[in-house]
Amino acid sequence: MKDNQRLRRGFTDNDICKRCGQSSESAIHAIRDCPVVSGLWKSLVHTRYYNIFFTSNLQDWILCNLSKNMGYEEDLDWSSKFGITCWLVWKQRNQWVFNELWSIYFGLSTARDRGYKKVMLESNSSFVIKLIQDVSFTTHPLKRLILSIRNFLKKDWQVELIHTLREGNYVALSLAVHAHSLPLGLNWFNSTPSFCTDVYRFDSLGVVPLVGS
């Protein structure tokens, strides 16, 4: 269910897209217009069709892509590529919340196993934080995972859940980028990695670093 539908039915208090945080999550935004996925479409659609592709309403957009080759000349079966891409984008959208919640669960489990008694857990998703804290969410498809996280929070330790903007936690972003160069599995740092020193300074000052800083 899209967030604008969830809002109309009272399942959430806003319909802002959880991936980009910029616009109402209508169907066309979720599949085509969200900045998280629009770049993918731009790499597939021929530039000569950009105007009609990115301005059509949902119904016209679907009909046009099923009847016309909007890709490059070698895309002889564009309708199939279009359909598969829509399915993959929607699947990724649904996995996003699951991945956020699973990361929080795994982080709490790891901290607990290592004996930490005070934990500050930051997430750039206010929606995920609300899912965990708001007990009125009782029918969510990820209910079991949410309840497991809540059970962790009830244990004999102090855990503070904090919502922070992505731009306000460049240390986490730097670690995520660095993780691509590490072997698969859990990689534990007993001290602050050197590459985090500068970005930590930006975070502590509340300054957004320029690209290449």
N, C-alpha and C. Protein backbone atom coordinates (compact mmCIF):
# COMPACT_ATOMS: atom_id res chain seq x y z
N MET A 1 0.84 -1.19 0.00
CA MET A 1 0.00 0.00 0.00
C MET A 1 0.88 1.25 0.00
N LYS A 2 0.58 2.21 -0.87
CA LYS A 2 1.34 3.45 -0.96
C LYS A 2 1.00 4.34 0.23
N ASP A 3 1.90 5.28 0.57
CA ASP A 3 1.70 6.10 1.76
C ASP A 3 0.53 7.06 1.64
N ASN A 4 0.20 7.53 0.43
CA ASN A 4 -0.96 8.41 0.33
C ASN A 4 -2.25 7.63 0.60
N GLN A 5 -2.26 6.33 0.28
CA GLN A 5 -3.41 5.48 0.63
C GLN A 5 -3.45 5.20 2.13
N ARG A 6 -2.27 4.97 2.72
CA ARG A 6 -2.19 4.74 4.17
C ARG A 6 -2.69 5.97 4.93
N LEU A 7 -2.38 7.17 4.41
CA LEU A 7 -2.84 8.41 5.06
C LEU A 7 -4.36 8.52 5.02
N ARG A 8 -4.96 8.24 3.87
CA ARG A 8 -6.42 8.33 3.74
C ARG A 8 -7.13 7.35 4.67
N ARG A 9 -6.50 6.20 4.93
CA ARG A 9 -7.13 5.19 5.78
C ARG A 9 -6.74 5.31 7.25
N GLY A 10 -5.94 6.35 7.57
CA GLY A 10 -5.58 6.58 8.96
C GLY A 10 -4.48 5.69 9.49
N PHE A 11 -3.71 5.05 8.61
CA PHE A 11 -2.65 4.16 9.05
C PHE A 11 -1.34 4.91 9.32
N THR A 12 -1.26 6.17 8.90
CA THR A 12 -0.07 6.97 9.13
C THR A 12 -0.50 8.43 9.22
N ASP A 13 0.36 9.30 9.75
CA ASP A 13 -0.01 10.70 9.90
C ASP A 13 0.56 11.58 8.78
N ASN A 14 1.26 11.00 7.83
CA ASN A 14 1.71 11.76 6.67
C ASN A 14 1.96 10.81 5.51
N ASP A 15 1.98 11.38 4.30
CA ASP A 15 2.13 10.54 3.11
C ASP A 15 3.44 10.82 2.39
N ILE A 16 4.40 11.39 3.10
CA ILE A 16 5.68 11.71 2.49
C ILE A 16 6.45 10.44 2.19
N CYS A 17 7.05 10.37 1.01
CA CYS A 17 7.84 9.21 0.59
C CYS A 17 8.96 8.96 1.59
N LYS A 18 9.06 7.73 2.08
CA LYS A 18 10.07 7.40 3.09
C LYS A 18 11.46 7.28 2.51
N ARG A 19 11.57 7.11 1.19
CA ARG A 19 12.89 6.97 0.57
C ARG A 19 13.56 8.31 0.34
N CYS A 20 12.79 9.29 -0.18
CA CYS A 20 13.41 10.59 -0.49
C CYS A 20 13.03 11.67 0.51
N GLY A 21 11.88 11.52 1.19
CA GLY A 21 11.45 12.52 2.16
C GLY A 21 11.06 13.85 1.55
N GLN A 22 10.73 13.87 0.26
CA GLN A 22 10.49 15.14 -0.43
C GLN A 22 9.06 15.32 -0.91
N SER A 23 8.39 14.24 -1.33
CA SER A 23 7.09 14.38 -1.98
C SER A 23 6.10 13.35 -1.46
N SER A 24 4.82 13.62 -1.73
CA SER A 24 3.78 12.65 -1.42
C SER A 24 4.02 11.38 -2.23
N GLU A 25 3.87 10.23 -1.58
CA GLU A 25 4.16 8.98 -2.27
C GLU A 25 2.92 8.46 -2.98
N SER A 26 2.66 9.03 -4.16
CA SER A 26 1.64 8.49 -5.04
C SER A 26 2.25 7.30 -5.78
N ALA A 27 1.43 6.61 -6.56
CA ALA A 27 1.94 5.46 -7.31
C ALA A 27 3.01 5.90 -8.31
N ILE A 28 2.77 7.00 -9.02
CA ILE A 28 3.72 7.43 -10.04
C ILE A 28 5.02 7.93 -9.40
N HIS A 29 4.91 8.50 -8.19
CA HIS A 29 6.13 8.92 -7.50
C HIS A 29 6.95 7.71 -7.07
N ALA A 30 6.27 6.71 -6.51
CA ALA A 30 6.97 5.53 -6.01
C ALA A 30 7.70 4.78 -7.11
N ILE A 31 7.09 4.71 -8.30
CA ILE A 31 7.66 3.89 -9.38
C ILE A 31 8.54 4.69 -10.33
N ARG A 32 8.25 5.99 -10.53
CA ARG A 32 8.97 6.74 -11.55
C ARG A 32 9.68 7.99 -11.05
N ASP A 33 8.99 8.81 -10.25
CA ASP A 33 9.47 10.17 -9.98
C ASP A 33 10.38 10.31 -8.76
N CYS A 34 10.37 9.34 -7.87
CA CYS A 34 11.23 9.44 -6.68
C CYS A 34 12.69 9.56 -7.12
N PRO A 35 13.44 10.53 -6.57
CA PRO A 35 14.85 10.69 -6.96
C PRO A 35 15.68 9.43 -6.78
N VAL A 36 15.22 8.53 -5.89
CA VAL A 36 15.96 7.29 -5.67
C VAL A 36 15.91 6.40 -6.90
N VAL A 37 14.83 6.49 -7.70
CA VAL A 37 14.67 5.59 -8.85
C VAL A 37 14.67 6.32 -10.20
N SER A 38 14.48 7.64 -10.21
CA SER A 38 14.39 8.35 -11.49
C SER A 38 15.67 8.23 -12.31
N GLY A 39 16.81 8.15 -11.63
CA GLY A 39 18.08 7.99 -12.34
C GLY A 39 18.15 6.68 -13.11
N LEU A 40 17.54 5.64 -12.55
CA LEU A 40 17.50 4.35 -13.25
C LEU A 40 16.73 4.49 -14.55
N TRP A 41 15.56 5.14 -14.50
CA TRP A 41 14.77 5.32 -15.71
C TRP A 41 15.53 6.16 -16.75
N LYS A 42 16.24 7.17 -16.30
CA LYS A 42 16.99 8.03 -17.23
C LYS A 42 18.07 7.25 -17.95
N SER A 43 18.57 6.20 -17.32
CA SER A 43 19.60 5.39 -17.97
C SER A 43 19.00 4.41 -18.98
N LEU A 44 17.69 4.17 -18.90
CA LEU A 44 17.03 3.21 -19.78
C LEU A 44 16.26 3.87 -20.92
N VAL A 45 15.68 5.04 -20.63
CA VAL A 45 14.83 5.72 -21.61
C VAL A 45 15.69 6.59 -22.54
N HIS A 46 15.36 6.57 -23.81
CA HIS A 46 16.08 7.41 -24.78
C HIS A 46 15.80 8.88 -24.46
N THR A 47 16.82 9.70 -24.55
CA THR A 47 16.67 11.12 -24.18
C THR A 47 15.58 11.82 -24.98
N ARG A 48 15.31 11.38 -26.19
CA ARG A 48 14.30 12.04 -27.01
C ARG A 48 12.89 11.86 -26.44
N TYR A 49 12.73 10.87 -25.54
CA TYR A 49 11.42 10.60 -24.96
C TYR A 49 11.30 11.08 -23.51
N TYR A 50 12.32 11.77 -23.01
CA TYR A 50 12.30 12.20 -21.61
C TYR A 50 11.04 13.00 -21.28
N ASN A 51 10.66 13.93 -22.14
CA ASN A 51 9.55 14.81 -21.83
C ASN A 51 8.25 14.03 -21.61
N ILE A 52 7.88 13.20 -22.57
CA ILE A 52 6.64 12.45 -22.43
C ILE A 52 6.73 11.40 -21.33
N PHE A 53 7.91 10.80 -21.16
CA PHE A 53 8.07 9.74 -20.17
C PHE A 53 7.91 10.29 -18.75
N PHE A 54 8.49 11.46 -18.48
CA PHE A 54 8.52 11.97 -17.11
C PHE A 54 7.41 12.97 -16.80
N THR A 55 6.50 13.22 -17.74
CA THR A 55 5.41 14.17 -17.48
C THR A 55 4.02 13.54 -17.60
N SER A 56 3.93 12.34 -18.16
CA SER A 56 2.62 11.70 -18.34
C SER A 56 2.02 11.28 -17.00
N ASN A 57 0.68 11.27 -16.95
CA ASN A 57 0.03 10.73 -15.76
C ASN A 57 0.17 9.21 -15.76
N LEU A 58 -0.22 8.58 -14.67
CA LEU A 58 0.04 7.16 -14.49
C LEU A 58 -0.56 6.31 -15.61
N GLN A 59 -1.83 6.54 -15.93
CA GLN A 59 -2.49 5.72 -16.94
C GLN A 59 -1.85 5.89 -18.32
N ASP A 60 -1.64 7.14 -18.73
CA ASP A 60 -1.03 7.39 -20.04
C ASP A 60 0.40 6.86 -20.09
N TRP A 61 1.09 6.96 -18.96
CA TRP A 61 2.49 6.50 -18.88
C TRP A 61 2.57 4.99 -19.12
N ILE A 62 1.69 4.24 -18.48
CA ILE A 62 1.69 2.79 -18.64
C ILE A 62 1.31 2.40 -20.07
N LEU A 63 0.24 3.00 -20.59
CA LEU A 63 -0.22 2.66 -21.94
C LEU A 63 0.84 3.00 -22.98
N CYS A 64 1.49 4.13 -22.83
CA CYS A 64 2.50 4.56 -23.78
C CYS A 64 3.69 3.59 -23.79
N ASN A 65 4.12 3.18 -22.61
CA ASN A 65 5.29 2.30 -22.52
C ASN A 65 4.99 0.88 -22.98
N LEU A 66 3.73 0.49 -22.93
CA LEU A 66 3.37 -0.84 -23.41
C LEU A 66 3.14 -0.88 -24.92
N SER A 67 2.99 0.30 -25.52
CA SER A 67 2.70 0.34 -26.96
C SER A 67 3.81 0.96 -27.79
N LYS A 68 4.80 1.57 -27.14
CA LYS A 68 5.84 2.29 -27.87
C LYS A 68 7.21 1.99 -27.28
N ASN A 69 8.23 1.89 -28.11
CA ASN A 69 9.60 1.68 -27.64
C ASN A 69 10.17 3.01 -27.16
N MET A 70 10.25 3.18 -25.84
CA MET A 70 10.77 4.41 -25.26
C MET A 70 12.28 4.32 -24.99
N GLY A 71 12.83 3.14 -25.23
CA GLY A 71 14.25 2.95 -25.00
C GLY A 71 15.06 3.23 -26.24
N TYR A 72 16.21 2.62 -26.32
CA TYR A 72 17.09 2.80 -27.47
C TYR A 72 16.75 1.77 -28.54
N GLU A 73 17.31 1.97 -29.71
CA GLU A 73 16.94 1.16 -30.85
C GLU A 73 17.10 -0.34 -30.61
N GLU A 74 18.11 -0.71 -29.82
CA GLU A 74 18.37 -2.13 -29.59
C GLU A 74 17.38 -2.75 -28.60
N ASP A 75 16.56 -1.92 -27.94
CA ASP A 75 15.56 -2.44 -27.01
C ASP A 75 14.33 -2.91 -27.78
N LEU A 76 14.44 -4.07 -28.41
CA LEU A 76 13.36 -4.55 -29.26
C LEU A 76 12.13 -4.96 -28.45
N ASP A 77 12.32 -5.31 -27.19
CA ASP A 77 11.19 -5.73 -26.36
C ASP A 77 11.06 -4.76 -25.18
N TRP A 78 10.84 -3.49 -25.48
CA TRP A 78 10.79 -2.46 -24.44
C TRP A 78 9.67 -2.71 -23.44
N SER A 79 8.51 -3.18 -23.88
CA SER A 79 7.39 -3.38 -22.95
C SER A 79 7.76 -4.36 -21.84
N SER A 80 8.53 -5.40 -22.18
CA SER A 80 8.96 -6.36 -21.16
C SER A 80 9.97 -5.72 -20.21
N LYS A 81 10.93 -4.98 -20.77
CA LYS A 81 11.92 -4.31 -19.93
C LYS A 81 11.24 -3.31 -19.01
N PHE A 82 10.25 -2.60 -19.53
CA PHE A 82 9.51 -1.62 -18.73
C PHE A 82 8.78 -2.32 -17.58
N GLY A 83 8.08 -3.42 -17.88
CA GLY A 83 7.34 -4.13 -16.85
C GLY A 83 8.24 -4.71 -15.76
N ILE A 84 9.35 -5.29 -16.17
CA ILE A 84 10.29 -5.88 -15.21
C ILE A 84 10.90 -4.80 -14.33
N THR A 85 11.24 -3.65 -14.93
CA THR A 85 11.83 -2.56 -14.17
C THR A 85 10.83 -2.03 -13.14
N CYS A 86 9.56 -1.88 -13.53
CA CYS A 86 8.54 -1.44 -12.59
C CYS A 86 8.44 -2.40 -11.41
N TRP A 87 8.47 -3.70 -11.70
CA TRP A 87 8.37 -4.71 -10.64
C TRP A 87 9.57 -4.63 -9.70
N LEU A 88 10.76 -4.48 -10.25
CA LEU A 88 11.98 -4.40 -9.43
C LEU A 88 11.98 -3.15 -8.56
N VAL A 89 11.53 -2.02 -9.12
CA VAL A 89 11.47 -0.78 -8.36
C VAL A 89 10.48 -0.91 -7.20
N TRP A 90 9.32 -1.51 -7.47
CA TRP A 90 8.33 -1.69 -6.41
C TRP A 90 8.83 -2.66 -5.34
N LYS A 91 9.52 -3.71 -5.75
CA LYS A 91 10.07 -4.66 -4.79
C LYS A 91 11.11 -3.98 -3.91
N GLN A 92 11.96 -3.17 -4.51
CA GLN A 92 12.99 -2.45 -3.75
C GLN A 92 12.34 -1.49 -2.76
N ARG A 93 11.26 -0.87 -3.19
CA ARG A 93 10.57 0.08 -2.32
C ARG A 93 10.05 -0.63 -1.07
N ASN A 94 9.47 -1.82 -1.24
CA ASN A 94 8.93 -2.57 -0.12
C ASN A 94 10.02 -3.14 0.79
N GLN A 95 11.18 -3.43 0.21
CA GLN A 95 12.28 -3.98 1.01
C GLN A 95 12.96 -2.91 1.85
N TRP A 96 12.75 -1.64 1.48
CA TRP A 96 13.46 -0.56 2.15
C TRP A 96 13.17 -0.53 3.65
N VAL A 97 11.88 -0.57 4.02
CA VAL A 97 11.52 -0.52 5.43
C VAL A 97 12.02 -1.77 6.15
N PHE A 98 11.90 -2.94 5.48
CA PHE A 98 12.39 -4.18 6.08
C PHE A 98 13.88 -4.08 6.39
N ASN A 99 14.66 -3.57 5.43
CA ASN A 99 16.10 -3.46 5.63
C ASN A 99 16.44 -2.52 6.77
N GLU A 100 15.70 -1.41 6.89
CA GLU A 100 15.93 -0.47 7.98
C GLU A 100 15.68 -1.14 9.33
N LEU A 101 14.54 -1.83 9.44
CA LEU A 101 14.19 -2.49 10.70
C LEU A 101 15.16 -3.62 11.03
N TRP A 102 15.54 -4.39 10.01
CA TRP A 102 16.47 -5.48 10.25
C TRP A 102 17.83 -4.96 10.72
N SER A 103 18.27 -3.84 10.16
CA SER A 103 19.54 -3.24 10.57
C SER A 103 19.49 -2.83 12.03
N ILE A 104 18.36 -2.27 12.45
CA ILE A 104 18.20 -1.86 13.84
C ILE A 104 18.20 -3.09 14.76
N TYR A 105 17.48 -4.12 14.36
CA TYR A 105 17.44 -5.34 15.17
C TYR A 105 18.84 -5.95 15.31
N PHE A 106 19.54 -6.05 14.19
CA PHE A 106 20.87 -6.65 14.23
C PHE A 106 21.83 -5.80 15.04
N GLY A 107 21.73 -4.47 14.92
CA GLY A 107 22.59 -3.59 15.70
C GLY A 107 22.35 -3.73 17.19
N LEU A 108 21.08 -3.78 17.59
CA LEU A 108 20.76 -3.96 19.01
C LEU A 108 21.22 -5.32 19.51
N SER A 109 21.04 -6.35 18.70
CA SER A 109 21.47 -7.69 19.09
C SER A 109 22.98 -7.74 19.29
N THR A 110 23.72 -7.11 18.39
CA THR A 110 25.18 -7.10 18.50
C THR A 110 25.63 -6.33 19.74
N ALA A 111 25.03 -5.17 19.99
CA ALA A 111 25.39 -4.36 21.16
C ALA A 111 25.08 -5.11 22.44
N ARG A 112 23.96 -5.82 22.45
CA ARG A 112 23.57 -6.59 23.62
C ARG A 112 24.55 -7.72 23.89
N ASP A 113 24.92 -8.43 22.84
CA ASP A 113 25.85 -9.55 22.98
C ASP A 113 27.21 -9.09 23.49
N ARG A 114 27.58 -7.87 23.18
CA ARG A 114 28.89 -7.35 23.59
C ARG A 114 28.84 -6.64 24.94
N GLY A 115 27.69 -6.66 25.58
CA GLY A 115 27.60 -6.19 26.96
C GLY A 115 27.40 -4.70 27.15
N TYR A 116 27.01 -3.99 26.10
CA TYR A 116 26.79 -2.56 26.26
C TYR A 116 25.53 -2.31 27.09
N LYS A 117 25.60 -1.30 27.97
CA LYS A 117 24.47 -0.96 28.83
C LYS A 117 23.79 0.34 28.43
N LYS A 118 24.49 1.18 27.67
CA LYS A 118 23.92 2.43 27.19
C LYS A 118 24.17 2.53 25.69
N VAL A 119 23.09 2.67 24.93
CA VAL A 119 23.20 2.68 23.47
C VAL A 119 22.39 3.84 22.91
N MET A 120 23.00 4.58 21.99
CA MET A 120 22.29 5.60 21.23
C MET A 120 22.17 5.09 19.79
N LEU A 121 20.94 4.89 19.34
CA LEU A 121 20.69 4.34 18.02
C LEU A 121 20.05 5.42 17.15
N GLU A 122 20.75 5.80 16.08
CA GLU A 122 20.27 6.85 15.19
C GLU A 122 19.77 6.27 13.88
N SER A 123 18.68 6.83 13.37
CA SER A 123 18.15 6.44 12.08
C SER A 123 17.67 7.69 11.35
N ASN A 124 17.87 7.73 10.02
CA ASN A 124 17.37 8.88 9.27
C ASN A 124 15.93 8.68 8.83
N SER A 125 15.29 7.63 9.30
CA SER A 125 13.89 7.35 8.96
C SER A 125 12.99 7.59 10.16
N SER A 126 12.29 8.72 10.16
CA SER A 126 11.34 8.99 11.25
C SER A 126 10.21 7.98 11.24
N PHE A 127 9.88 7.47 10.05
CA PHE A 127 8.81 6.47 9.93
C PHE A 127 9.18 5.19 10.66
N VAL A 128 10.42 4.72 10.49
CA VAL A 128 10.86 3.50 11.15
C VAL A 128 10.90 3.69 12.66
N ILE A 129 11.38 4.85 13.10
CA ILE A 129 11.41 5.13 14.53
C ILE A 129 9.99 5.09 15.11
N LYS A 130 9.03 5.67 14.36
CA LYS A 130 7.65 5.68 14.83
C LYS A 130 7.08 4.27 14.86
N LEU A 131 7.42 3.45 13.87
CA LEU A 131 6.95 2.06 13.86
C LEU A 131 7.35 1.35 15.15
N ILE A 132 8.55 1.62 15.61
CA ILE A 132 9.07 0.95 16.80
C ILE A 132 8.42 1.51 18.07
N GLN A 133 8.27 2.82 18.14
CA GLN A 133 7.83 3.46 19.38
C GLN A 133 6.32 3.51 19.53
N ASP A 134 5.58 3.56 18.45
CA ASP A 134 4.13 3.73 18.51
C ASP A 134 3.44 2.37 18.59
N VAL A 135 2.92 2.03 19.78
CA VAL A 135 2.32 0.71 19.98
C VAL A 135 0.99 0.57 19.24
N SER A 136 0.49 1.66 18.65
CA SER A 136 -0.77 1.56 17.90
C SER A 136 -0.58 0.83 16.57
N PHE A 137 0.68 0.68 16.13
CA PHE A 137 0.95 -0.09 14.93
C PHE A 137 0.88 -1.58 15.28
N THR A 138 -0.26 -2.18 15.08
CA THR A 138 -0.44 -3.58 15.47
C THR A 138 -0.71 -4.51 14.30
N THR A 139 -0.91 -3.97 13.11
CA THR A 139 -1.25 -4.81 11.96
C THR A 139 -0.23 -4.68 10.83
N HIS A 140 0.94 -4.18 11.13
CA HIS A 140 1.96 -3.99 10.09
C HIS A 140 2.47 -5.35 9.61
N PRO A 141 2.76 -5.50 8.32
CA PRO A 141 3.27 -6.78 7.80
C PRO A 141 4.57 -7.23 8.48
N LEU A 142 5.34 -6.28 9.01
CA LEU A 142 6.60 -6.61 9.69
C LEU A 142 6.42 -6.63 11.22
N LYS A 143 5.23 -6.97 11.65
CA LYS A 143 4.90 -6.92 13.08
C LYS A 143 5.87 -7.74 13.93
N ARG A 144 6.22 -8.94 13.49
CA ARG A 144 7.10 -9.80 14.30
C ARG A 144 8.47 -9.16 14.51
N LEU A 145 9.00 -8.56 13.47
CA LEU A 145 10.30 -7.91 13.57
C LEU A 145 10.22 -6.68 14.47
N ILE A 146 9.14 -5.91 14.34
CA ILE A 146 8.94 -4.73 15.17
C ILE A 146 8.83 -5.13 16.64
N LEU A 147 8.07 -6.18 16.93
CA LEU A 147 7.91 -6.65 18.31
C LEU A 147 9.23 -7.15 18.89
N SER A 148 10.06 -7.77 18.05
CA SER A 148 11.36 -8.25 18.52
C SER A 148 12.25 -7.07 18.93
N ILE A 149 12.18 -5.98 18.17
CA ILE A 149 12.94 -4.78 18.52
C ILE A 149 12.42 -4.18 19.82
N ARG A 150 11.10 -4.11 19.95
CA ARG A 150 10.51 -3.57 21.18
C ARG A 150 10.91 -4.40 22.39
N ASN A 151 10.98 -5.72 22.23
CA ASN A 151 11.40 -6.58 23.34
C ASN A 151 12.84 -6.29 23.74
N PHE A 152 13.70 -5.99 22.77
CA PHE A 152 15.07 -5.60 23.09
C PHE A 152 15.08 -4.33 23.94
N LEU A 153 14.22 -3.38 23.59
CA LEU A 153 14.19 -2.09 24.30
C LEU A 153 13.72 -2.23 25.74
N LYS A 154 12.97 -3.31 26.05
CA LYS A 154 12.45 -3.52 27.40
C LYS A 154 13.47 -4.16 28.33
N LYS A 155 14.60 -4.60 27.81
CA LYS A 155 15.59 -5.29 28.64
C LYS A 155 16.30 -4.30 29.55
N ASP A 156 17.15 -4.83 30.45
CA ASP A 156 17.78 -4.01 31.48
C ASP A 156 19.00 -3.26 30.93
N TRP A 157 18.73 -2.30 30.06
CA TRP A 157 19.77 -1.42 29.53
C TRP A 157 19.09 -0.15 29.04
N GLN A 158 19.87 0.87 28.72
CA GLN A 158 19.32 2.13 28.25
C GLN A 158 19.57 2.26 26.75
N VAL A 159 18.49 2.34 25.99
CA VAL A 159 18.59 2.52 24.55
C VAL A 159 17.79 3.75 24.16
N GLU A 160 18.46 4.68 23.50
CA GLU A 160 17.80 5.90 23.04
C GLU A 160 17.70 5.87 21.52
N LEU A 161 16.47 5.94 21.00
CA LEU A 161 16.24 5.98 19.57
C LEU A 161 16.17 7.44 19.13
N ILE A 162 17.00 7.79 18.17
CA ILE A 162 17.10 9.19 17.74
C ILE A 162 16.91 9.29 16.24
N HIS A 163 16.05 10.19 15.83
CA HIS A 163 15.91 10.47 14.39
C HIS A 163 16.88 11.57 14.02
N THR A 164 17.67 11.31 12.99
CA THR A 164 18.62 12.31 12.50
C THR A 164 18.54 12.35 10.99
N LEU A 165 18.72 13.53 10.43
CA LEU A 165 18.74 13.64 8.98
C LEU A 165 19.98 12.97 8.42
N ARG A 166 19.87 12.46 7.20
CA ARG A 166 21.02 11.82 6.56
C ARG A 166 22.21 12.79 6.51
N GLU A 167 21.90 14.08 6.26
CA GLU A 167 22.98 15.07 6.17
C GLU A 167 23.61 15.36 7.52
N GLY A 168 22.97 14.93 8.59
CA GLY A 168 23.50 15.19 9.92
C GLY A 168 24.31 14.06 10.48
N ASN A 169 24.54 13.02 9.70
CA ASN A 169 25.32 11.88 10.19
C ASN A 169 26.23 11.36 9.09
N TYR A 170 27.22 12.17 8.74
CA TYR A 170 28.15 11.77 7.69
C TYR A 170 29.11 10.69 8.14
N VAL A 171 29.25 10.50 9.46
CA VAL A 171 30.08 9.39 9.94
C VAL A 171 29.45 8.07 9.51
N ALA A 172 28.14 7.95 9.71
CA ALA A 172 27.44 6.72 9.30
C ALA A 172 27.52 6.53 7.80
N LEU A 173 27.38 7.61 7.04
CA LEU A 173 27.47 7.52 5.59
C LEU A 173 28.86 7.07 5.16
N SER A 174 29.89 7.62 5.79
CA SER A 174 31.27 7.24 5.47
C SER A 174 31.53 5.77 5.77
N LEU A 175 30.99 5.30 6.89
CA LEU A 175 31.16 3.89 7.24
C LEU A 175 30.44 2.99 6.24
N ALA A 176 29.24 3.41 5.80
CA ALA A 176 28.49 2.61 4.84
C ALA A 176 29.25 2.51 3.51
N VAL A 177 29.84 3.61 3.08
CA VAL A 177 30.62 3.60 1.84
C VAL A 177 31.86 2.73 1.99
N HIS A 178 32.53 2.86 3.14
CA HIS A 178 33.74 2.08 3.39
C HIS A 178 33.45 0.59 3.48
N ALA A 179 32.22 0.24 3.90
CA ALA A 179 31.86 -1.18 4.07
C ALA A 179 31.97 -1.96 2.77
N HIS A 180 31.84 -1.27 1.63
CA HIS A 180 31.93 -1.97 0.35
C HIS A 180 33.32 -2.55 0.09
N SER A 181 34.32 -2.03 0.79
CA SER A 181 35.69 -2.52 0.61
C SER A 181 36.06 -3.59 1.64
N LEU A 182 35.14 -3.93 2.53
CA LEU A 182 35.42 -4.89 3.59
C LEU A 182 34.86 -6.26 3.24
N PRO A 183 35.38 -7.33 3.84
CA PRO A 183 34.83 -8.66 3.59
C PRO A 183 33.43 -8.79 4.14
N LEU A 184 32.64 -9.71 3.57
CA LEU A 184 31.28 -9.92 4.03
C LEU A 184 31.27 -10.40 5.47
N GLY A 185 30.22 -10.02 6.20
CA GLY A 185 30.12 -10.41 7.59
C GLY A 185 30.22 -9.20 8.50
N LEU A 186 30.27 -9.44 9.80
CA LEU A 186 30.36 -8.37 10.78
C LEU A 186 31.81 -7.88 10.89
N ASN A 187 32.01 -6.59 10.71
CA ASN A 187 33.32 -5.97 10.87
C ASN A 187 33.22 -4.98 12.02
N TRP A 188 34.04 -5.19 13.06
CA TRP A 188 33.93 -4.41 14.29
C TRP A 188 35.14 -3.50 14.44
N PHE A 189 34.88 -2.21 14.75
CA PHE A 189 35.95 -1.25 14.98
C PHE A 189 36.05 -0.97 16.47
N ASN A 190 37.22 -1.21 17.06
CA ASN A 190 37.43 -0.93 18.47
C ASN A 190 37.87 0.50 18.71
N SER A 191 38.21 1.21 17.66
CA SER A 191 38.56 2.62 17.75
C SER A 191 38.05 3.32 16.49
N THR A 192 38.00 4.63 16.53
CA THR A 192 37.46 5.39 15.41
C THR A 192 38.38 5.27 14.20
N PRO A 193 37.89 4.82 13.06
CA PRO A 193 38.71 4.73 11.85
C PRO A 193 39.20 6.12 11.44
N SER A 194 40.40 6.19 10.91
CA SER A 194 40.99 7.48 10.57
C SER A 194 40.17 8.26 9.54
N PHE A 195 39.51 7.55 8.62
CA PHE A 195 38.77 8.25 7.58
C PHE A 195 37.50 8.94 8.12
N CYS A 196 37.15 8.63 9.38
CA CYS A 196 35.96 9.25 9.97
C CYS A 196 36.28 10.55 10.72
N THR A 197 37.57 10.85 10.89
CA THR A 197 37.96 11.99 11.72
C THR A 197 37.40 13.31 11.20
N ASP A 198 37.58 13.57 9.92
CA ASP A 198 37.13 14.85 9.36
C ASP A 198 35.60 14.95 9.35
N VAL A 199 34.94 13.86 8.94
CA VAL A 199 33.48 13.92 8.86
C VAL A 199 32.86 14.02 10.25
N TYR A 200 33.52 13.47 11.26
CA TYR A 200 33.03 13.62 12.62
C TYR A 200 33.06 15.08 13.04
N ARG A 201 34.09 15.78 12.60
CA ARG A 201 34.20 17.21 12.91
C ARG A 201 33.03 17.97 12.28
N PHE A 202 32.68 17.62 11.04
CA PHE A 202 31.54 18.26 10.39
C PHE A 202 30.25 17.97 11.15
N ASP A 203 30.05 16.68 11.54
CA ASP A 203 28.84 16.30 12.25
C ASP A 203 28.71 17.06 13.58
N SER A 204 29.82 17.17 14.32
CA SER A 204 29.78 17.81 15.63
C SER A 204 29.47 19.30 15.51
N LEU A 205 29.84 19.91 14.38
CA LEU A 205 29.57 21.33 14.16
C LEU A 205 28.23 21.57 13.48
N GLY A 206 27.58 20.48 13.05
CA GLY A 206 26.32 20.63 12.36
C GLY A 206 26.47 21.21 10.98
N VAL A 207 27.61 20.91 10.35
CA VAL A 207 27.92 21.46 9.02
C VAL A 207 27.85 20.34 7.99
N VAL A 208 27.24 20.61 6.85
CA VAL A 208 27.19 19.65 5.76
C VAL A 208 28.40 19.83 4.89
N PRO A 209 29.28 18.84 4.79
CA PRO A 209 30.50 18.99 3.97
C PRO A 209 30.19 19.03 2.51
N LEU A 210 30.96 19.79 1.77
CA LEU A 210 30.83 19.81 0.33
C LEU A 210 31.42 18.55 -0.25
N VAL A 211 30.91 18.11 -1.40
CA VAL A 211 31.46 16.92 -2.07
C VAL A 211 32.92 17.18 -2.39
N GLY A 212 33.77 16.23 -1.98
CA GLY A 212 35.19 16.38 -2.20
C GLY A 212 35.92 17.03 -1.07
N SER A 213 35.17 17.40 0.03
CA SER A 213 35.82 18.03 1.18
C SER A 213 36.72 17.04 1.91
